[in-house]
């Protein structure tokens, strides 16, 4: 790495927490994110015009 990045304390805490998680926890989180990503990829936005009654 040519340039050093300075991380905020919050970012360091997130990295430490991620490193402490087990492989199973990482797998479950990755699976969850993948499922959300697949759902969002297939989603279609439809617009219904507002009707005054």
N, C-alpha and C. Protein backbone atom coordinates (compact mmCIF):
# COMPACT_ATOMS: atom_id res chain seq x y z
N UNK A 1 0.84 -1.18 0.00
CA UNK A 1 0.00 0.00 0.00
C UNK A 1 0.88 1.24 0.00
N UNK A 2 0.68 2.06 -0.97
CA UNK A 2 1.49 3.26 -1.08
C UNK A 2 1.03 4.34 -0.11
N UNK A 3 -0.29 4.48 0.08
CA UNK A 3 -0.79 5.53 0.96
C UNK A 3 -1.43 4.91 2.20
N UNK A 4 -1.19 5.56 3.33
CA UNK A 4 -1.77 5.11 4.58
C UNK A 4 -3.14 5.76 4.76
N UNK A 5 -4.12 4.99 5.20
CA UNK A 5 -5.44 5.54 5.45
C UNK A 5 -5.61 5.68 6.95
N UNK A 6 -6.14 6.79 7.36
CA UNK A 6 -6.45 7.01 8.77
C UNK A 6 -7.91 6.64 8.99
N UNK A 7 -8.15 5.69 9.88
CA UNK A 7 -9.51 5.24 10.16
C UNK A 7 -10.01 5.90 11.44
N UNK A 8 -11.28 6.20 11.45
CA UNK A 8 -11.88 6.79 12.65
C UNK A 8 -12.01 5.70 13.72
N UNK A 9 -12.16 6.09 14.98
CA UNK A 9 -12.34 5.09 16.05
C UNK A 9 -13.55 4.19 15.81
N UNK A 10 -14.61 4.75 15.23
CA UNK A 10 -15.81 3.94 14.95
C UNK A 10 -15.52 2.87 13.90
N UNK A 11 -14.76 3.24 12.87
CA UNK A 11 -14.40 2.27 11.84
C UNK A 11 -13.50 1.18 12.40
N UNK A 12 -12.58 1.56 13.27
CA UNK A 12 -11.71 0.56 13.89
C UNK A 12 -12.51 -0.41 14.75
N UNK A 13 -13.51 0.11 15.46
CA UNK A 13 -14.36 -0.74 16.30
C UNK A 13 -15.14 -1.74 15.45
N UNK A 14 -15.65 -1.29 14.29
CA UNK A 14 -16.36 -2.19 13.39
C UNK A 14 -15.44 -3.29 12.87
N UNK A 15 -14.22 -2.94 12.53
CA UNK A 15 -13.26 -3.92 12.03
C UNK A 15 -12.92 -4.94 13.12
N UNK A 16 -12.71 -4.46 14.34
CA UNK A 16 -12.39 -5.37 15.45
C UNK A 16 -13.55 -6.33 15.71
N UNK A 17 -14.79 -5.81 15.67
CA UNK A 17 -15.95 -6.65 15.91
C UNK A 17 -16.09 -7.69 14.81
N UNK A 18 -15.82 -7.29 13.56
CA UNK A 18 -15.92 -8.22 12.44
C UNK A 18 -14.88 -9.33 12.55
N UNK A 19 -13.67 -8.97 13.00
CA UNK A 19 -12.62 -9.97 13.12
C UNK A 19 -12.90 -10.97 14.23
N UNK A 20 -13.68 -10.56 15.23
CA UNK A 20 -14.01 -11.45 16.34
C UNK A 20 -15.13 -12.43 15.98
N UNK A 21 -15.88 -12.14 14.93
CA UNK A 21 -17.00 -13.00 14.58
C UNK A 21 -16.50 -14.32 14.00
N UNK A 22 -17.29 -15.36 14.22
CA UNK A 22 -16.90 -16.68 13.74
C UNK A 22 -17.19 -16.81 12.25
N UNK A 23 -16.68 -17.87 11.65
CA UNK A 23 -16.92 -18.11 10.23
C UNK A 23 -18.41 -18.31 9.97
N UNK A 24 -19.11 -18.96 10.90
CA UNK A 24 -20.54 -19.18 10.74
C UNK A 24 -21.29 -17.85 10.74
N UNK A 25 -20.93 -16.95 11.65
CA UNK A 25 -21.59 -15.64 11.70
C UNK A 25 -21.31 -14.85 10.43
N UNK A 26 -20.08 -14.92 9.94
CA UNK A 26 -19.74 -14.23 8.70
C UNK A 26 -20.53 -14.79 7.53
N UNK A 27 -20.64 -16.13 7.48
CA UNK A 27 -21.38 -16.78 6.41
C UNK A 27 -22.85 -16.37 6.43
N UNK A 28 -23.45 -16.36 7.64
CA UNK A 28 -24.86 -16.01 7.77
C UNK A 28 -25.10 -14.56 7.35
N UNK A 29 -24.19 -13.66 7.73
CA UNK A 29 -24.35 -12.25 7.34
C UNK A 29 -24.19 -12.09 5.83
N UNK A 30 -23.21 -12.77 5.26
CA UNK A 30 -23.00 -12.68 3.82
C UNK A 30 -24.20 -13.24 3.06
N UNK A 31 -24.75 -14.34 3.54
CA UNK A 31 -25.93 -14.94 2.92
C UNK A 31 -27.10 -13.98 2.97
N UNK A 32 -27.30 -13.36 4.13
CA UNK A 32 -28.39 -12.40 4.29
C UNK A 32 -28.24 -11.24 3.30
N UNK A 33 -27.02 -10.69 3.20
CA UNK A 33 -26.78 -9.58 2.28
C UNK A 33 -26.99 -10.01 0.83
N UNK A 34 -26.57 -11.23 0.50
CA UNK A 34 -26.75 -11.74 -0.87
C UNK A 34 -28.23 -11.86 -1.21
N UNK A 35 -29.02 -12.37 -0.27
CA UNK A 35 -30.46 -12.52 -0.51
C UNK A 35 -31.12 -11.16 -0.72
N UNK A 36 -30.73 -10.17 0.08
CA UNK A 36 -31.28 -8.83 -0.08
C UNK A 36 -30.89 -8.28 -1.45
N UNK A 37 -29.64 -8.47 -1.83
CA UNK A 37 -29.15 -7.98 -3.12
C UNK A 37 -29.92 -8.62 -4.27
N UNK A 38 -30.17 -9.92 -4.19
CA UNK A 38 -30.92 -10.62 -5.23
C UNK A 38 -32.36 -10.11 -5.29
N UNK A 39 -32.97 -9.88 -4.14
CA UNK A 39 -34.34 -9.37 -4.09
C UNK A 39 -34.40 -7.98 -4.72
N UNK A 40 -33.44 -7.13 -4.39
CA UNK A 40 -33.44 -5.77 -4.93
C UNK A 40 -33.19 -5.77 -6.43
N UNK A 41 -32.39 -6.72 -6.91
CA UNK A 41 -32.10 -6.80 -8.34
C UNK A 41 -33.37 -7.15 -9.13
N UNK A 42 -34.22 -8.00 -8.55
CA UNK A 42 -35.44 -8.44 -9.23
C UNK A 42 -36.61 -7.50 -9.01
N UNK A 43 -36.48 -6.55 -8.11
CA UNK A 43 -37.61 -5.67 -7.76
C UNK A 43 -37.96 -4.75 -8.93
N UNK A 44 -39.24 -4.52 -9.09
CA UNK A 44 -39.72 -3.58 -10.10
C UNK A 44 -40.51 -2.49 -9.39
N UNK A 45 -40.20 -1.27 -9.73
CA UNK A 45 -40.90 -0.15 -9.13
C UNK A 45 -42.07 0.20 -10.03
N UNK A 46 -43.26 0.20 -9.47
CA UNK A 46 -44.45 0.56 -10.23
C UNK A 46 -45.06 1.81 -9.59
N UNK A 47 -45.63 2.63 -10.41
CA UNK A 47 -46.23 3.86 -9.94
C UNK A 47 -47.71 3.85 -10.27
N UNK A 48 -48.51 4.02 -9.25
CA UNK A 48 -49.96 4.10 -9.46
C UNK A 48 -50.34 5.58 -9.31
N UNK A 49 -51.04 6.12 -10.28
CA UNK A 49 -51.42 7.53 -10.17
C UNK A 49 -52.39 7.74 -9.01
N UNK A 50 -52.27 8.88 -8.36
CA UNK A 50 -53.14 9.22 -7.24
C UNK A 50 -54.54 9.55 -7.78
N UNK A 51 -55.56 8.94 -7.22
CA UNK A 51 -56.94 9.14 -7.67
C UNK A 51 -57.71 9.84 -6.57
N UNK A 52 -58.28 11.00 -6.87
CA UNK A 52 -59.14 11.70 -5.91
C UNK A 52 -60.53 11.08 -5.94
N UNK A 53 -61.09 10.86 -4.77
CA UNK A 53 -62.45 10.30 -4.70
C UNK A 53 -63.44 11.38 -4.39
